[in-house]
Amino acid sequence: MVEDGENVTVELEVANEREERRTGLMHRESLANDTGMVFVYESAQPVSFWMKNTLIPLDMIFVGPDRTVLNVQHASPQPNATSGELKTYPSDGEAKYVVELPRGFANRTGVGSGTKLVFEGAPPTVESDG
């Protein structure tokens, strides 16, 4: 990731299949600093995430198709909430990618709306679900 010319390197698992996107970081008890997951969608669209069965506080970084950050949501676990009680965290526009990292990452690194992300190699793409 890049902010004002300063590189911040993170290692991301790629969730580019339907089941991987559905499961995400559920049930994980820890996540190392500067590691996370990138969710990849076939096309840019408004998306909303929740913290169902997620035990780790997260920064959810919503990213447009041009890899510019749309917005960042700071999410906390809700261990006793039912599905109907879970808070949702929406994108501010059409997201092609959502990056989840340990909560505090965005504030620590200055990543926010307008930050341009750079993926090493080719940007992640959606795998066939079929």
C-alpha atoms as a PDB file:
ATOM      1  CA  MET A   1       0.000   0.000   0.000  1.00  0.00           C
ATOM      2  CA  VAL A   2       1.183   3.499  -0.664  1.00  0.00           C
ATOM      3  CA  GLU A   3       0.385   6.735   1.189  1.00  0.00           C
ATOM      4  CA  ASP A   4       2.002   9.971  -0.013  1.00  0.00           C
ATOM      5  CA  GLY A   5       4.852   8.060  -1.625  1.00  0.00           C
ATOM      6  CA  GLU A   6       5.618   5.987   1.475  1.00  0.00           C
ATOM      7  CA  ASN A   7       5.277   2.238   0.972  1.00  0.00           C
ATOM      8  CA  VAL A   8       3.608   0.073   3.588  1.00  0.00           C
ATOM      9  CA  THR A   9       3.941  -3.646   2.875  1.00  0.00           C
ATOM     10  CA  VAL A  10       1.330  -6.121   4.060  1.00  0.00           C
ATOM     11  CA  GLU A  11       0.817  -9.811   3.388  1.00  0.00           C
ATOM     12  CA  LEU A  12      -2.738 -10.633   2.328  1.00  0.00           C
ATOM     13  CA  GLU A  13      -4.604 -13.886   1.900  1.00  0.00           C
ATOM     14  CA  VAL A  14      -6.822 -13.670  -1.178  1.00  0.00           C
ATOM     15  CA  ALA A  15     -10.539 -14.474  -0.824  1.00  0.00           C
ATOM     16  CA  ASN A  16     -11.546 -14.645  -4.474  1.00  0.00           C
ATOM     17  CA  GLU A  17     -14.010 -17.547  -4.390  1.00  0.00           C
ATOM     18  CA  ARG A  18     -17.560 -17.337  -3.061  1.00  0.00           C
ATOM     19  CA  GLU A  19     -16.951 -19.638  -0.061  1.00  0.00           C
ATOM     20  CA  GLU A  20     -13.717 -17.850   0.889  1.00  0.00           C
ATOM     21  CA  ARG A  21     -15.544 -14.501   0.823  1.00  0.00           C
ATOM     22  CA  ARG A  22     -18.366 -15.976   2.905  1.00  0.00           C
ATOM     23  CA  THR A  23     -15.981 -17.324   5.582  1.00  0.00           C
ATOM     24  CA  GLY A  24     -13.397 -14.525   5.608  1.00  0.00           C
ATOM     25  CA  LEU A  25     -11.604 -14.221   8.951  1.00  0.00           C
ATOM     26  CA  MET A  26     -14.332 -15.957  10.986  1.00  0.00           C
ATOM     27  CA  HIS A  27     -13.263 -17.936  14.057  1.00  0.00           C
ATOM     28  CA  ARG A  28      -9.633 -16.769  13.972  1.00  0.00           C
ATOM     29  CA  GLU A  29      -8.269 -15.865  17.380  1.00  0.00           C
ATOM     30  CA  SER A  30      -5.378 -13.711  16.194  1.00  0.00           C
ATOM     31  CA  LEU A  31      -3.963 -11.932  13.191  1.00  0.00           C
ATOM     32  CA  ALA A  32      -0.330 -10.836  12.979  1.00  0.00           C
ATOM     33  CA  ASN A  33       0.418  -7.150  12.407  1.00  0.00           C
ATOM     34  CA  ASP A  34       0.651  -6.240   8.740  1.00  0.00           C
ATOM     35  CA  THR A  35      -1.228  -9.363   7.638  1.00  0.00           C
ATOM     36  CA  GLY A  36      -4.830  -9.697   6.576  1.00  0.00           C
ATOM     37  CA  MET A  37      -7.206 -10.703   3.824  1.00  0.00           C
ATOM     38  CA  VAL A  38      -8.330  -9.105   0.576  1.00  0.00           C
ATOM     39  CA  PHE A  39     -11.833  -9.888  -0.682  1.00  0.00           C
ATOM     40  CA  VAL A  40     -12.118  -9.673  -4.466  1.00  0.00           C
ATOM     41  CA  TYR A  41     -15.378  -9.144  -6.363  1.00  0.00           C
ATOM     42  CA  GLU A  42     -16.034  -9.789 -10.047  1.00  0.00           C
ATOM     43  CA  SER A  43     -17.275  -6.246 -10.536  1.00  0.00           C
ATOM     44  CA  ALA A  44     -17.354  -3.090  -8.457  1.00  0.00           C
ATOM     45  CA  GLN A  45     -20.496  -2.853  -6.346  1.00  0.00           C
ATOM     46  CA  PRO A  46     -21.767  -1.417  -3.071  1.00  0.00           C
ATOM     47  CA  VAL A  47     -20.823  -3.921  -0.359  1.00  0.00           C
ATOM     48  CA  SER A  48     -21.488  -4.215   3.339  1.00  0.00           C
ATOM     49  CA  PHE A  49     -19.596  -6.368   5.829  1.00  0.00           C
ATOM     50  CA  TRP A  50     -20.386  -7.571   9.335  1.00  0.00           C
ATOM     51  CA  MET A  51     -18.464  -9.242  12.136  1.00  0.00           C
ATOM     52  CA  LYS A  52     -20.388 -12.530  12.351  1.00  0.00           C
ATOM     53  CA  ASN A  53     -18.221 -15.074  14.229  1.00  0.00           C
ATOM     54  CA  THR A  54     -15.248 -12.707  13.934  1.00  0.00           C
ATOM     55  CA  LEU A  55     -13.138 -12.541  17.080  1.00  0.00           C
ATOM     56  CA  ILE A  56     -10.515  -9.974  16.019  1.00  0.00           C
ATOM     57  CA  PRO A  57     -11.064  -6.184  15.867  1.00  0.00           C
ATOM     58  CA  LEU A  58     -10.545  -5.154  12.236  1.00  0.00           C
ATOM     59  CA  ASP A  59     -10.032  -2.242   9.895  1.00  0.00           C
ATOM     60  CA  MET A  60     -12.150  -2.803   6.788  1.00  0.00           C
ATOM     61  CA  ILE A  61     -10.658  -0.894   3.875  1.00  0.00           C
ATOM     62  CA  PHE A  62     -13.106  -0.542   0.969  1.00  0.00           C
ATOM     63  CA  VAL A  63     -11.343  -0.065  -2.372  1.00  0.00           C
ATOM     64  CA  GLY A  64     -12.660   0.952  -5.792  1.00  0.00           C
ATOM     65  CA  PRO A  65     -11.768  -0.701  -9.114  1.00  0.00           C
ATOM     66  CA  ASP A  66      -8.921   1.804  -9.640  1.00  0.00           C
ATOM     67  CA  ARG A  67      -7.477   0.623  -6.275  1.00  0.00           C
ATOM     68  CA  THR A  68      -8.208   3.929  -4.546  1.00  0.00           C
ATOM     69  CA  VAL A  69      -9.527   3.644  -0.985  1.00  0.00           C
ATOM     70  CA  LEU A  70     -13.185   4.669  -0.773  1.00  0.00           C
ATOM     71  CA  ASN A  71     -13.455   4.526   3.018  1.00  0.00           C
ATOM     72  CA  VAL A  72     -12.232   2.723   6.121  1.00  0.00           C
ATOM     73  CA  GLN A  73     -14.506   1.188   8.757  1.00  0.00           C
ATOM     74  CA  HIS A  74     -13.207   0.272  12.217  1.00  0.00           C
ATOM     75  CA  ALA A  75     -15.031  -2.865  13.362  1.00  0.00           C
ATOM     76  CA  SER A  76     -15.225  -4.555  16.749  1.00  0.00           C
ATOM     77  CA  PRO A  77     -16.292  -8.122  17.570  1.00  0.00           C
ATOM     78  CA  GLN A  78     -19.867  -8.590  18.786  1.00  0.00           C
ATOM     79  CA  PRO A  79     -19.624 -12.025  20.415  1.00  0.00           C
ATOM     80  CA  ASN A  80     -23.108 -12.128  21.947  1.00  0.00           C
ATOM     81  CA  ALA A  81     -25.042 -10.545  19.081  1.00  0.00           C
ATOM     82  CA  THR A  82     -27.477 -12.521  16.964  1.00  0.00           C
ATOM     83  CA  SER A  83     -27.254 -12.172  13.177  1.00  0.00           C
ATOM     84  CA  GLY A  84     -30.083  -9.617  13.284  1.00  0.00           C
ATOM     85  CA  GLU A  85     -28.261  -7.542  15.909  1.00  0.00           C
ATOM     86  CA  LEU A  86     -24.881  -7.352  14.159  1.00  0.00           C
ATOM     87  CA  LYS A  87     -23.730  -3.913  13.034  1.00  0.00           C
ATOM     88  CA  THR A  88     -23.029  -3.594   9.313  1.00  0.00           C
ATOM     89  CA  TYR A  89     -20.096  -1.730   7.791  1.00  0.00           C
ATOM     90  CA  PRO A  90     -20.857  -0.404   4.274  1.00  0.00           C
ATOM     91  CA  SER A  91     -18.634   0.863   1.484  1.00  0.00           C
ATOM     92  CA  ASP A  92     -18.922   4.513   0.465  1.00  0.00           C
ATOM     93  CA  GLY A  93     -19.389   3.646  -3.191  1.00  0.00           C
ATOM     94  CA  GLU A  94     -18.706   0.730  -5.476  1.00  0.00           C
ATOM     95  CA  ALA A  95     -15.935  -1.517  -4.133  1.00  0.00           C
ATOM     96  CA  LYS A  96     -13.988  -4.067  -6.150  1.00  0.00           C
ATOM     97  CA  TYR A  97     -11.786  -5.045  -3.177  1.00  0.00           C
ATOM     98  CA  VAL A  98     -12.132  -5.037   0.595  1.00  0.00           C
ATOM     99  CA  VAL A  99      -8.982  -5.377   2.682  1.00  0.00           C
ATOM    100  CA  GLU A 100      -9.292  -6.519   6.300  1.00  0.00           C
ATOM    101  CA  LEU A 101      -6.339  -5.854   8.608  1.00  0.00           C
ATOM    102  CA  PRO A 102      -5.911  -5.685  12.398  1.00  0.00           C
ATOM    103  CA  ARG A 103      -7.784  -2.698  13.841  1.00  0.00           C
ATOM    104  CA  GLY A 104      -5.542   0.325  14.158  1.00  0.00           C
ATOM    105  CA  PHE A 105      -3.597  -0.378  10.960  1.00  0.00           C
ATOM    106  CA  ALA A 106      -5.243   2.447   9.006  1.00  0.00           C
ATOM    107  CA  ASN A 107      -4.685   5.025  11.760  1.00  0.00           C
ATOM    108  CA  ARG A 108      -1.094   3.870  12.332  1.00  0.00           C
ATOM    109  CA  THR A 109      -0.159   4.052   8.645  1.00  0.00           C
ATOM    110  CA  GLY A 110      -2.343   6.943   7.481  1.00  0.00           C
ATOM    111  CA  VAL A 111      -4.326   4.803   5.035  1.00  0.00           C
ATOM    112  CA  GLY A 112      -7.672   6.449   4.330  1.00  0.00           C
ATOM    113  CA  SER A 113      -9.983   7.774   1.620  1.00  0.00           C
ATOM    114  CA  GLY A 114      -7.944   8.580  -1.471  1.00  0.00           C
ATOM    115  CA  THR A 115      -4.987   6.309  -0.650  1.00  0.00           C
ATOM    116  CA  LYS A 116      -3.920   4.380  -3.745  1.00  0.00           C
ATOM    117  CA  LEU A 117      -3.188   0.668  -3.185  1.00  0.00           C
ATOM    118  CA  VAL A 118      -0.573  -1.210  -5.146  1.00  0.00           C
ATOM    119  CA  PHE A 119      -0.766  -5.006  -5.407  1.00  0.00           C
ATOM    120  CA  GLU A 120       2.558  -6.746  -5.980  1.00  0.00           C
ATOM    121  CA  GLY A 121       2.316  -8.563  -9.282  1.00  0.00           C
ATOM    122  CA  ALA A 122      -1.090  -8.575 -10.929  1.00  0.00           C
ATOM    123  CA  PRO A 123      -4.105  -7.399  -8.919  1.00  0.00           C
ATOM    124  CA  PRO A 124      -6.063 -10.314  -7.452  1.00  0.00           C
ATOM    125  CA  THR A 125      -8.926 -11.540  -9.610  1.00  0.00           C
ATOM    126  CA  VAL A 126     -12.062 -13.586  -9.016  1.00  0.00           C
ATOM    127  CA  GLU A 127     -11.760 -17.349  -9.463  1.00  0.00           C
ATOM    128  CA  SER A 128     -14.583 -19.185 -11.193  1.00  0.00           C
ATOM    129  CA  ASP A 129     -17.250 -20.278  -8.707  1.00  0.00           C
ATOM    130  CA  GLY A 130     -18.458 -22.942 -10.961  1.00  0.00           C
END
